[in-house]
Each structure stands twice: as structure tokens, then as C-alpha cells.
């Protein structure tokens, strides 16, 4: 009975987030602190669940891992968020206004439908970007540091090379006309799914949840250190449905995650990783 209730934590969390945004008055939704507060509260909640419902002892969080995860989460919210909004979302909004692009009919749809349209649209782009990162060397060099993590925890989705983190944040949701509460609900629901998909929490959601949304089982297999081929599946960050549609879904789970020799990279090594071929060639020439 206890495990059955734990398995309901991911969908229950999504339900709570949807209820908040669906019922929140406009004055609260429009406050600049509301969106980050909901996102951070969700992350903290799932991180604390790791202390109570641990999935793998080998993934147990320690001070070094926690400090690194907090750094990258803050970097994602403050730096990557600013860059993607300034360099991509704002120009898209201007383009939308200049060209008269509009989808007013979206705002007329029920709240939940709006949320899912935004989520699945954004994740469609994420799916193909992530898949490209595994199939084109220049992009792989930016993505590989994320696969060098040797354990999965609630904030591990924020870890990676800054170039990858920026690229994976890109989307066209700025072109969609939806209610602000639906837009924010989509962001935080997607974030919650991805947080659970990286978390060391022994929760296996119901079948219907796993059909559409990514779980720790799906994503741990994608991060496996035991088989190269198994890393080339389950690309969905939050929406595993696109893997089912495009034939890259694979059932399974892995407790052993990492890349190559499973060496944990420092932040400096993660940031310099795309230059590794050039650095190694330079070092060989000097040697």
C-alpha cells in the first residue's frame, strides 16, 4: 500500500501544480516571483523525497553533488533563462507582432488543453534537438557532459555545458497565444516531470502517466553506462510520447549511469568539454 501511494507522487504533483495555476488569480500569476517560486518549490520537494524514498543507494546525494546541482539550477534559472528570453523569445514575440502571427483560438480552449498544447509543442522541439545531439559530433560535444553524471538526482537535468543548456532551452512557444496561467503551468509541469525523471525517488507512476510522460525508468536507461545503444533511445525530456511516435522508445532501467570510464567531470571540465578534441590535439603536438 505504501509503495502504491509513493507511485502516485508524480501525477499528484502535476495535479497540484495544475490546480494552483488553474485557480490562481491574475494578480498572483502576474507577480514576477510566482513562477520561479512554484518551480523552485517543486524541485525542493522532489529533492527531499530522495531522503525518504531512495531508489538506489549508489545515487545518494552528497555535499559535493548537492552544491554542484544547486549551482547549475541557479545558473539555469538566472543565466540560461535570461539568454533564451533575450536572444530568442523576445525576438520571436516581436516577429509575431510584426508579421501578424496569431493563434487566438488557442486561448479559447480549456485551460488543461492549452497547457498540453504548449508542453507537447515545446517538447517536440526538445526531442529533435536532443536526438540531434546524439547524432552529430559538434552537438554531442556540448551534450556529452550531461551524460558524464554518475548518479541521477532531482536537479541533474540542469547539469551540462552552457552551450547545450542554451540550445535545449529553445522553443517556439512565444508564438502561441495562450493564457498566462496556462503558459506558466506548462513550464512548471514540464519541469516537474523532468525533475522526477532525474530523481533518485522510488516512484513508478501509473501506466497512463508513463505512456505520455518521461519517468526515471525511461531516463535512467538513456543515461546507462552499460550499453551505448541504450543511450540512443528515450530522448524525451518530459514527454516520452514523441519517442513512441518516432520509434526511439525503449523499455528498461539502469542503476549504473555515466559515460566512457564513468569519470565525474568538474564544472571546469564540463564547460571546456566541446574544446576537448582541439585541446588534446594541441597537447599531443606539444608533447
C-alpha atoms as a PDB file:
ATOM      1  CA  UNK A   1       0.000   0.000   0.000  1.00  0.00           C
ATOM      2  CA  UNK A   2       2.798   2.422   0.923  1.00  0.00           C
ATOM      3  CA  UNK A   3       4.631   1.876  -2.392  1.00  0.00           C
ATOM      4  CA  UNK A   4       1.385   2.258  -4.321  1.00  0.00           C
ATOM      5  CA  UNK A   5       0.928   5.690  -2.758  1.00  0.00           C
ATOM      6  CA  UNK A   6       4.537   6.659  -3.498  1.00  0.00           C
ATOM      7  CA  UNK A   7       3.975   5.698  -7.125  1.00  0.00           C
ATOM      8  CA  UNK A   8       1.218   8.307  -7.262  1.00  0.00           C
ATOM      9  CA  UNK A   9       3.529  11.144  -6.196  1.00  0.00           C
ATOM     10  CA  UNK A  10       4.497  12.271  -9.754  1.00  0.00           C
ATOM     11  CA  UNK A  11       0.912  12.548 -11.063  1.00  0.00           C
ATOM     12  CA  UNK A  12      -0.226  14.028  -7.731  1.00  0.00           C
ATOM     13  CA  UNK A  13       2.477  16.693  -8.028  1.00  0.00           C
ATOM     14  CA  UNK A  14       1.331  17.549 -11.554  1.00  0.00           C
ATOM     15  CA  UNK A  15      -2.260  17.744 -10.339  1.00  0.00           C
ATOM     16  CA  UNK A  16      -1.265  20.140  -7.547  1.00  0.00           C
ATOM     17  CA  UNK A  17       0.647  22.382  -9.969  1.00  0.00           C
ATOM     18  CA  UNK A  18      -2.244  22.416 -12.442  1.00  0.00           C
ATOM     19  CA  UNK A  19      -4.716  23.201  -9.656  1.00  0.00           C
ATOM     20  CA  UNK A  20      -2.572  26.100  -8.464  1.00  0.00           C
ATOM     21  CA  UNK A  21      -2.245  27.742 -11.854  1.00  0.00           C
ATOM     22  CA  UNK A  22      -5.829  26.959 -12.815  1.00  0.00           C
ATOM     23  CA  UNK A  23      -7.197  28.652  -9.695  1.00  0.00           C
ATOM     24  CA  UNK A  24      -4.615  31.398  -9.126  1.00  0.00           C
ATOM     25  CA  UNK A  25      -5.989  34.927  -9.639  1.00  0.00           C
ATOM     26  CA  UNK A  26      -4.432  37.064 -12.370  1.00  0.00           C
ATOM     27  CA  UNK A  27      -2.792  39.360  -9.831  1.00  0.00           C
ATOM     28  CA  UNK A  28      -0.840  36.443  -8.358  1.00  0.00           C
ATOM     29  CA  UNK A  29       0.035  34.903 -11.723  1.00  0.00           C
ATOM     30  CA  UNK A  30       1.478  38.199 -12.951  1.00  0.00           C
ATOM     31  CA  UNK A  31       3.790  38.653  -9.972  1.00  0.00           C
ATOM     32  CA  UNK A  32       7.438  38.182 -11.125  1.00  0.00           C
ATOM     33  CA  UNK A  33       8.232  35.866  -8.226  1.00  0.00           C
ATOM     34  CA  UNK A  34       5.311  33.440  -8.608  1.00  0.00           C
ATOM     35  CA  UNK A  35       6.688  31.344 -11.491  1.00  0.00           C
ATOM     36  CA  UNK A  36      10.185  30.848 -10.036  1.00  0.00           C
ATOM     37  CA  UNK A  37       8.720  30.172  -6.584  1.00  0.00           C
ATOM     38  CA  UNK A  38       6.491  27.365  -7.894  1.00  0.00           C
ATOM     39  CA  UNK A  39       9.377  25.904  -9.915  1.00  0.00           C
ATOM     40  CA  UNK A  40      11.860  26.012  -7.020  1.00  0.00           C
ATOM     41  CA  UNK A  41       9.309  24.660  -4.520  1.00  0.00           C
ATOM     42  CA  UNK A  42       8.710  21.683  -6.801  1.00  0.00           C
ATOM     43  CA  UNK A  43      12.435  20.973  -7.103  1.00  0.00           C
ATOM     44  CA  UNK A  44      12.978  21.214  -3.334  1.00  0.00           C
ATOM     45  CA  UNK A  45      10.006  18.924  -2.704  1.00  0.00           C
ATOM     46  CA  UNK A  46      11.299  16.212  -5.052  1.00  0.00           C
ATOM     47  CA  UNK A  47      14.849  16.580  -3.715  1.00  0.00           C
ATOM     48  CA  UNK A  48      13.551  16.000  -0.179  1.00  0.00           C
ATOM     49  CA  UNK A  49      11.658  12.920  -1.374  1.00  0.00           C
ATOM     50  CA  UNK A  50      15.044  11.375  -2.197  1.00  0.00           C
ATOM     51  CA  UNK A  51      15.795  11.320   1.536  1.00  0.00           C
ATOM     52  CA  UNK A  52      12.649   9.338   2.289  1.00  0.00           C
ATOM     53  CA  UNK A  53      12.028   7.137  -0.760  1.00  0.00           C
ATOM     54  CA  UNK A  54      15.503   6.391  -2.114  1.00  0.00           C
ATOM     55  CA  UNK A  55      15.648   4.394  -5.346  1.00  0.00           C
ATOM     56  CA  UNK A  56      19.348   3.482  -5.479  1.00  0.00           C
ATOM     57  CA  UNK A  57      21.858   3.771  -2.657  1.00  0.00           C
ATOM     58  CA  UNK A  58      24.587   4.490  -5.218  1.00  0.00           C
ATOM     59  CA  UNK A  59      22.775   7.678  -6.228  1.00  0.00           C
ATOM     60  CA  UNK A  60      22.548   9.052  -2.701  1.00  0.00           C
ATOM     61  CA  UNK A  61      23.201  12.785  -2.737  1.00  0.00           C
ATOM     62  CA  UNK A  62      26.297  14.151  -1.007  1.00  0.00           C
ATOM     63  CA  UNK A  63      27.503  17.692  -0.342  1.00  0.00           C
ATOM     64  CA  UNK A  64      29.604  17.924  -3.496  1.00  0.00           C
ATOM     65  CA  UNK A  65      26.800  16.700  -5.725  1.00  0.00           C
ATOM     66  CA  UNK A  66      24.257  18.927  -3.995  1.00  0.00           C
ATOM     67  CA  UNK A  67      26.436  22.037  -4.288  1.00  0.00           C
ATOM     68  CA  UNK A  68      27.037  21.370  -7.994  1.00  0.00           C
ATOM     69  CA  UNK A  69      23.345  20.731  -8.614  1.00  0.00           C
ATOM     70  CA  UNK A  70      22.336  23.959  -6.849  1.00  0.00           C
ATOM     71  CA  UNK A  71      24.907  25.937  -8.847  1.00  0.00           C
ATOM     72  CA  UNK A  72      23.592  24.615 -12.157  1.00  0.00           C
ATOM     73  CA  UNK A  73      19.952  25.073 -11.183  1.00  0.00           C
ATOM     74  CA  UNK A  74      20.607  28.717 -10.296  1.00  0.00           C
ATOM     75  CA  UNK A  75      22.629  29.111 -13.496  1.00  0.00           C
ATOM     76  CA  UNK A  76      19.728  27.697 -15.486  1.00  0.00           C
ATOM     77  CA  UNK A  77      17.141  29.984 -13.948  1.00  0.00           C
ATOM     78  CA  UNK A  78      19.213  33.176 -13.886  1.00  0.00           C
ATOM     79  CA  UNK A  79      21.593  32.960 -16.858  1.00  0.00           C
ATOM     80  CA  UNK A  80      20.145  30.478 -19.360  1.00  0.00           C
ATOM     81  CA  UNK A  81      16.640  31.773 -18.706  1.00  0.00           C
ATOM     82  CA  UNK A  82      17.759  35.356 -19.336  1.00  0.00           C
ATOM     83  CA  UNK A  83      19.675  34.461 -22.505  1.00  0.00           C
ATOM     84  CA  UNK A  84      16.885  32.400 -24.037  1.00  0.00           C
ATOM     85  CA  UNK A  85      14.312  35.103 -23.289  1.00  0.00           C
ATOM     86  CA  UNK A  86      16.533  37.932 -24.553  1.00  0.00           C
ATOM     87  CA  UNK A  87      18.005  36.245 -27.622  1.00  0.00           C
ATOM     88  CA  UNK A  88      15.107  34.039 -28.715  1.00  0.00           C
ATOM     89  CA  UNK A  89      11.754  34.606 -27.043  1.00  0.00           C
ATOM     90  CA  UNK A  90      11.737  38.410 -27.231  1.00  0.00           C
ATOM     91  CA  UNK A  91      12.698  38.476 -30.956  1.00  0.00           C
ATOM     92  CA  UNK A  92      10.049  35.828 -31.631  1.00  0.00           C
ATOM     93  CA  UNK A  93       7.427  37.935 -29.886  1.00  0.00           C
ATOM     94  CA  UNK A  94       8.470  40.936 -31.991  1.00  0.00           C
ATOM     95  CA  UNK A  95       8.367  38.830 -35.148  1.00  0.00           C
ATOM     96  CA  UNK A  96       4.938  37.573 -34.162  1.00  0.00           C
ATOM     97  CA  UNK A  97       3.675  41.134 -33.781  1.00  0.00           C
ATOM     98  CA  UNK A  98       5.335  42.403 -36.981  1.00  0.00           C
ATOM     99  CA  UNK A  99       4.081  39.547 -39.145  1.00  0.00           C
ATOM    100  CA  UNK A 100       0.663  39.384 -37.547  1.00  0.00           C
ATOM    101  CA  UNK A 101       1.106  35.765 -36.474  1.00  0.00           C
ATOM    102  CA  UNK A 102      -1.714  34.787 -34.167  1.00  0.00           C
ATOM    103  CA  UNK A 103      -3.390  31.761 -32.643  1.00  0.00           C
ATOM    104  CA  UNK A 104      -6.209  33.444 -30.679  1.00  0.00           C
ATOM    105  CA  UNK A 105      -8.263  30.261 -30.872  1.00  0.00           C
ATOM    106  CA  UNK A 106      -5.776  28.599 -28.510  1.00  0.00           C
ATOM    107  CA  UNK A 107      -6.722  30.960 -25.681  1.00  0.00           C
ATOM    108  CA  UNK A 108     -10.354  29.919 -26.135  1.00  0.00           C
ATOM    109  CA  UNK A 109      -9.576  26.269 -25.420  1.00  0.00           C
ATOM    110  CA  UNK A 110      -9.967  24.766 -21.926  1.00  0.00           C
ATOM    111  CA  UNK A 111      -7.097  25.502 -19.527  1.00  0.00           C
ATOM    112  CA  UNK A 112      -5.771  21.925 -19.488  1.00  0.00           C
ATOM    113  CA  UNK A 113      -5.786  21.700 -23.284  1.00  0.00           C
ATOM    114  CA  UNK A 114      -3.774  24.916 -23.525  1.00  0.00           C
ATOM    115  CA  UNK A 115      -1.227  23.540 -21.065  1.00  0.00           C
ATOM    116  CA  UNK A 116      -0.815  20.309 -23.007  1.00  0.00           C
ATOM    117  CA  UNK A 117      -0.550  22.088 -26.377  1.00  0.00           C
ATOM    118  CA  UNK A 118       2.306  24.243 -25.092  1.00  0.00           C
ATOM    119  CA  UNK A 119       4.016  21.330 -23.329  1.00  0.00           C
ATOM    120  CA  UNK A 120       3.839  18.924 -26.274  1.00  0.00           C
ATOM    121  CA  UNK A 121       4.842  21.637 -28.764  1.00  0.00           C
ATOM    122  CA  UNK A 122       7.894  22.637 -26.742  1.00  0.00           C
ATOM    123  CA  UNK A 123       8.857  19.013 -26.108  1.00  0.00           C
ATOM    124  CA  UNK A 124       8.563  18.212 -29.820  1.00  0.00           C
ATOM    125  CA  UNK A 125      11.407  20.651 -30.443  1.00  0.00           C
ATOM    126  CA  UNK A 126      13.340  19.349 -27.432  1.00  0.00           C
ATOM    127  CA  UNK A 127      13.011  15.797 -28.700  1.00  0.00           C
ATOM    128  CA  UNK A 128      14.594  16.605 -32.068  1.00  0.00           C
ATOM    129  CA  UNK A 129      17.285  18.815 -30.549  1.00  0.00           C
ATOM    130  CA  UNK A 130      18.196  16.094 -28.061  1.00  0.00           C
ATOM    131  CA  UNK A 131      18.183  13.432 -30.769  1.00  0.00           C
ATOM    132  CA  UNK A 132      20.425  15.606 -32.961  1.00  0.00           C
ATOM    133  CA  UNK A 133      22.841  15.967 -30.057  1.00  0.00           C
ATOM    134  CA  UNK A 134      23.310  12.209 -30.080  1.00  0.00           C
ATOM    135  CA  UNK A 135      23.836  12.032 -33.840  1.00  0.00           C
ATOM    136  CA  UNK A 136      26.042  14.986 -34.774  1.00  0.00           C
ATOM    137  CA  UNK A 137      29.503  15.289 -33.232  1.00  0.00           C
ATOM    138  CA  UNK A 138      29.604  19.091 -32.735  1.00  0.00           C
ATOM    139  CA  UNK A 139      26.316  18.947 -30.839  1.00  0.00           C
ATOM    140  CA  UNK A 140      27.345  15.786 -28.984  1.00  0.00           C
ATOM    141  CA  UNK A 141      30.419  17.544 -27.627  1.00  0.00           C
ATOM    142  CA  UNK A 142      28.101  20.071 -25.951  1.00  0.00           C
ATOM    143  CA  UNK A 143      25.739  17.362 -24.655  1.00  0.00           C
ATOM    144  CA  UNK A 144      28.269  14.757 -23.508  1.00  0.00           C
ATOM    145  CA  UNK A 145      28.983  16.454 -20.140  1.00  0.00           C
ATOM    146  CA  UNK A 146      25.378  15.805 -19.142  1.00  0.00           C
ATOM    147  CA  UNK A 147      25.965  12.101 -19.754  1.00  0.00           C
ATOM    148  CA  UNK A 148      29.089  12.136 -17.594  1.00  0.00           C
ATOM    149  CA  UNK A 149      26.992  12.440 -14.451  1.00  0.00           C
ATOM    150  CA  UNK A 150      27.467   9.252 -12.448  1.00  0.00           C
ATOM    151  CA  UNK A 151      24.236   9.421 -10.476  1.00  0.00           C
ATOM    152  CA  UNK A 152      20.771  10.810 -11.025  1.00  0.00           C
ATOM    153  CA  UNK A 153      19.163  13.290  -8.660  1.00  0.00           C
ATOM    154  CA  UNK A 154      16.335  15.821  -8.755  1.00  0.00           C
ATOM    155  CA  UNK A 155      18.419  18.700 -10.142  1.00  0.00           C
ATOM    156  CA  UNK A 156      20.628  16.697 -12.515  1.00  0.00           C
ATOM    157  CA  UNK A 157      18.577  17.816 -15.512  1.00  0.00           C
ATOM    158  CA  UNK A 158      20.130  21.262 -15.137  1.00  0.00           C
ATOM    159  CA  UNK A 159      23.714  19.989 -15.403  1.00  0.00           C
ATOM    160  CA  UNK A 160      25.617  20.343 -18.654  1.00  0.00           C
ATOM    161  CA  UNK A 161      27.751  22.520 -20.854  1.00  0.00           C
ATOM    162  CA  UNK A 162      26.309  26.068 -21.147  1.00  0.00           C
ATOM    163  CA  UNK A 163      26.017  25.769 -24.946  1.00  0.00           C
ATOM    164  CA  UNK A 164      23.856  22.674 -24.618  1.00  0.00           C
ATOM    165  CA  UNK A 165      21.794  24.197 -21.823  1.00  0.00           C
ATOM    166  CA  UNK A 166      21.028  27.185 -24.045  1.00  0.00           C
ATOM    167  CA  UNK A 167      20.223  25.078 -27.122  1.00  0.00           C
ATOM    168  CA  UNK A 168      17.937  22.731 -25.209  1.00  0.00           C
ATOM    169  CA  UNK A 169      16.022  25.723 -23.826  1.00  0.00           C
ATOM    170  CA  UNK A 170      14.983  26.944 -27.268  1.00  0.00           C
ATOM    171  CA  UNK A 171      11.390  26.706 -28.444  1.00  0.00           C
ATOM    172  CA  UNK A 172       8.629  28.456 -30.349  1.00  0.00           C
ATOM    173  CA  UNK A 173       6.114  28.796 -27.521  1.00  0.00           C
ATOM    174  CA  UNK A 174       6.482  32.591 -27.743  1.00  0.00           C
ATOM    175  CA  UNK A 175       4.480  32.362 -30.982  1.00  0.00           C
ATOM    176  CA  UNK A 176       1.490  30.766 -29.255  1.00  0.00           C
ATOM    177  CA  UNK A 177      -1.436  32.765 -27.883  1.00  0.00           C
ATOM    178  CA  UNK A 178      -2.374  31.110 -24.604  1.00  0.00           C
ATOM    179  CA  UNK A 179      -3.426  32.387 -21.204  1.00  0.00           C
ATOM    180  CA  UNK A 180      -0.503  33.322 -18.975  1.00  0.00           C
ATOM    181  CA  UNK A 181      -1.552  30.857 -16.288  1.00  0.00           C
ATOM    182  CA  UNK A 182      -1.621  28.044 -18.887  1.00  0.00           C
ATOM    183  CA  UNK A 183       1.818  29.052 -20.156  1.00  0.00           C
ATOM    184  CA  UNK A 184       3.295  29.044 -16.638  1.00  0.00           C
ATOM    185  CA  UNK A 185       1.520  25.793 -15.827  1.00  0.00           C
ATOM    186  CA  UNK A 186       3.117  24.208 -18.872  1.00  0.00           C
ATOM    187  CA  UNK A 187       6.587  25.373 -17.833  1.00  0.00           C
ATOM    188  CA  UNK A 188       6.255  24.090 -14.279  1.00  0.00           C
ATOM    189  CA  UNK A 189       4.504  20.835 -15.188  1.00  0.00           C
ATOM    190  CA  UNK A 190       7.259  20.065 -17.713  1.00  0.00           C
ATOM    191  CA  UNK A 191       9.859  20.965 -15.114  1.00  0.00           C
ATOM    192  CA  UNK A 192       8.245  18.708 -12.524  1.00  0.00           C
ATOM    193  CA  UNK A 193       8.162  15.755 -14.931  1.00  0.00           C
ATOM    194  CA  UNK A 194      11.830  16.264 -15.821  1.00  0.00           C
ATOM    195  CA  UNK A 195      12.751  16.607 -12.150  1.00  0.00           C
ATOM    196  CA  UNK A 196      11.117  13.281 -11.287  1.00  0.00           C
ATOM    197  CA  UNK A 197      12.730  11.754 -14.411  1.00  0.00           C
ATOM    198  CA  UNK A 198      16.167  12.545 -12.958  1.00  0.00           C
ATOM    199  CA  UNK A 199      15.353  11.980  -9.284  1.00  0.00           C
ATOM    200  CA  UNK A 200      16.551   9.200  -7.010  1.00  0.00           C
ATOM    201  CA  UNK A 201      12.992   8.550  -5.903  1.00  0.00           C
ATOM    202  CA  UNK A 202      11.484   5.074  -5.854  1.00  0.00           C
ATOM    203  CA  UNK A 203       8.269   6.076  -7.596  1.00  0.00           C
ATOM    204  CA  UNK A 204       6.959   4.204 -10.627  1.00  0.00           C
ATOM    205  CA  UNK A 205       3.914   6.146 -11.854  1.00  0.00           C
ATOM    206  CA  UNK A 206       0.792   4.511 -13.332  1.00  0.00           C
ATOM    207  CA  UNK A 207       0.866   3.139 -16.893  1.00  0.00           C
ATOM    208  CA  UNK A 208      -1.098   6.079 -18.321  1.00  0.00           C
ATOM    209  CA  UNK A 209       1.459   8.526 -16.922  1.00  0.00           C
ATOM    210  CA  UNK A 210       4.410   6.588 -18.357  1.00  0.00           C
ATOM    211  CA  UNK A 211       2.752   6.361 -21.764  1.00  0.00           C
ATOM    212  CA  UNK A 212       2.865  10.137 -22.202  1.00  0.00           C
ATOM    213  CA  UNK A 213       5.472  11.418 -19.766  1.00  0.00           C
ATOM    214  CA  UNK A 214       9.111  10.531 -19.104  1.00  0.00           C
ATOM    215  CA  UNK A 215       9.882   8.549 -15.951  1.00  0.00           C
ATOM    216  CA  UNK A 216      13.086   7.726 -14.102  1.00  0.00           C
ATOM    217  CA  UNK A 217      12.962   4.252 -15.663  1.00  0.00           C
ATOM    218  CA  UNK A 218      12.988   5.691 -19.188  1.00  0.00           C
ATOM    219  CA  UNK A 219      15.604   8.290 -18.487  1.00  0.00           C
ATOM    220  CA  UNK A 220      17.973   6.153 -16.434  1.00  0.00           C
ATOM    221  CA  UNK A 221      18.184   3.771 -19.399  1.00  0.00           C
ATOM    222  CA  UNK A 222      19.049   6.728 -21.617  1.00  0.00           C
ATOM    223  CA  UNK A 223      21.878   7.525 -19.176  1.00  0.00           C
ATOM    224  CA  UNK A 224      23.109   3.943 -18.817  1.00  0.00           C
ATOM    225  CA  UNK A 225      26.847   3.265 -18.757  1.00  0.00           C
ATOM    226  CA  UNK A 226      26.329  -0.373 -19.693  1.00  0.00           C
ATOM    227  CA  UNK A 227      25.287  -0.085 -23.351  1.00  0.00           C
ATOM    228  CA  UNK A 228      25.986   2.581 -25.955  1.00  0.00           C
ATOM    229  CA  UNK A 229      22.924   1.603 -27.973  1.00  0.00           C
ATOM    230  CA  UNK A 230      20.642   2.072 -24.983  1.00  0.00           C
ATOM    231  CA  UNK A 231      21.700   5.719 -24.704  1.00  0.00           C
ATOM    232  CA  UNK A 232      20.267   6.289 -28.172  1.00  0.00           C
ATOM    233  CA  UNK A 233      16.659   5.998 -27.034  1.00  0.00           C
ATOM    234  CA  UNK A 234      14.156   7.761 -24.783  1.00  0.00           C
ATOM    235  CA  UNK A 235      15.131  11.278 -25.831  1.00  0.00           C
ATOM    236  CA  UNK A 236      12.043  12.925 -24.367  1.00  0.00           C
ATOM    237  CA  UNK A 237      12.954  15.254 -21.537  1.00  0.00           C
ATOM    238  CA  UNK A 238       9.411  15.439 -20.184  1.00  0.00           C
ATOM    239  CA  UNK A 239       7.276  13.882 -22.935  1.00  0.00           C
ATOM    240  CA  UNK A 240       8.210  10.291 -23.797  1.00  0.00           C
ATOM    241  CA  UNK A 241       5.236  10.179 -26.184  1.00  0.00           C
ATOM    242  CA  UNK A 242       7.355  11.589 -29.024  1.00  0.00           C
ATOM    243  CA  UNK A 243       9.772   8.658 -28.634  1.00  0.00           C
ATOM    244  CA  UNK A 244       6.840   6.299 -29.079  1.00  0.00           C
ATOM    245  CA  UNK A 245       5.733   8.184 -32.195  1.00  0.00           C
ATOM    246  CA  UNK A 246       9.189   8.288 -33.834  1.00  0.00           C
ATOM    247  CA  UNK A 247      10.369   4.809 -32.859  1.00  0.00           C
ATOM    248  CA  UNK A 248      13.025   5.644 -30.270  1.00  0.00           C
ATOM    249  CA  UNK A 249      11.190   4.422 -27.177  1.00  0.00           C
ATOM    250  CA  UNK A 250      12.784   1.548 -25.287  1.00  0.00           C
ATOM    251  CA  UNK A 251      11.617  -0.146 -22.108  1.00  0.00           C
ATOM    252  CA  UNK A 252      14.144  -0.704 -19.327  1.00  0.00           C
ATOM    253  CA  UNK A 253      16.037   0.849 -16.457  1.00  0.00           C
ATOM    254  CA  UNK A 254      19.670   1.226 -15.402  1.00  0.00           C
ATOM    255  CA  UNK A 255      21.157   1.820 -11.957  1.00  0.00           C
ATOM    256  CA  UNK A 256      24.617   2.314 -13.499  1.00  0.00           C
ATOM    257  CA  UNK A 257      24.823   5.644 -15.299  1.00  0.00           C
ATOM    258  CA  UNK A 258      27.675   7.641 -16.780  1.00  0.00           C
ATOM    259  CA  UNK A 259      29.825   7.971 -19.864  1.00  0.00           C
ATOM    260  CA  UNK A 260      33.038   6.257 -21.009  1.00  0.00           C
ATOM    261  CA  UNK A 261      35.016   5.411 -17.858  1.00  0.00           C
ATOM    262  CA  UNK A 262      32.287   6.921 -15.628  1.00  0.00           C
ATOM    263  CA  UNK A 263      34.579   9.756 -14.581  1.00  0.00           C
ATOM    264  CA  UNK A 264      32.725  12.578 -12.879  1.00  0.00           C
ATOM    265  CA  UNK A 265      33.617  15.870 -14.566  1.00  0.00           C
ATOM    266  CA  UNK A 266      34.293  19.081 -12.691  1.00  0.00           C
ATOM    267  CA  UNK A 267      32.396  22.213 -13.699  1.00  0.00           C
ATOM    268  CA  UNK A 268      35.514  23.453 -15.490  1.00  0.00           C
ATOM    269  CA  UNK A 269      35.824  20.177 -17.421  1.00  0.00           C
ATOM    270  CA  UNK A 270      32.134  20.327 -18.359  1.00  0.00           C
ATOM    271  CA  UNK A 271      32.470  23.853 -19.704  1.00  0.00           C
ATOM    272  CA  UNK A 272      35.640  23.102 -21.670  1.00  0.00           C
ATOM    273  CA  UNK A 273      34.420  19.744 -22.985  1.00  0.00           C
ATOM    274  CA  UNK A 274      33.460  20.949 -26.514  1.00  0.00           C
ATOM    275  CA  UNK A 275      37.102  22.061 -26.915  1.00  0.00           C
ATOM    276  CA  UNK A 276      38.454  18.663 -25.857  1.00  0.00           C
ATOM    277  CA  UNK A 277      39.418  17.436 -29.379  1.00  0.00           C
ATOM    278  CA  UNK A 278      41.340  20.668 -30.025  1.00  0.00           C
ATOM    279  CA  UNK A 279      42.942  20.637 -26.555  1.00  0.00           C
ATOM    280  CA  UNK A 280      44.018  17.015 -26.918  1.00  0.00           C
ATOM    281  CA  UNK A 281      45.445  17.679 -30.383  1.00  0.00           C
ATOM    282  CA  UNK A 282      47.318  20.706 -29.044  1.00  0.00           C
ATOM    283  CA  UNK A 283      48.641  18.721 -26.090  1.00  0.00           C
ATOM    284  CA  UNK A 284      49.795  15.902 -28.378  1.00  0.00           C
ATOM    285  CA  UNK A 285      51.598  18.407 -30.630  1.00  0.00           C
ATOM    286  CA  UNK A 286      53.365  19.993 -27.682  1.00  0.00           C
ATOM    287  CA  UNK A 287      54.283  16.602 -26.251  1.00  0.00           C
END
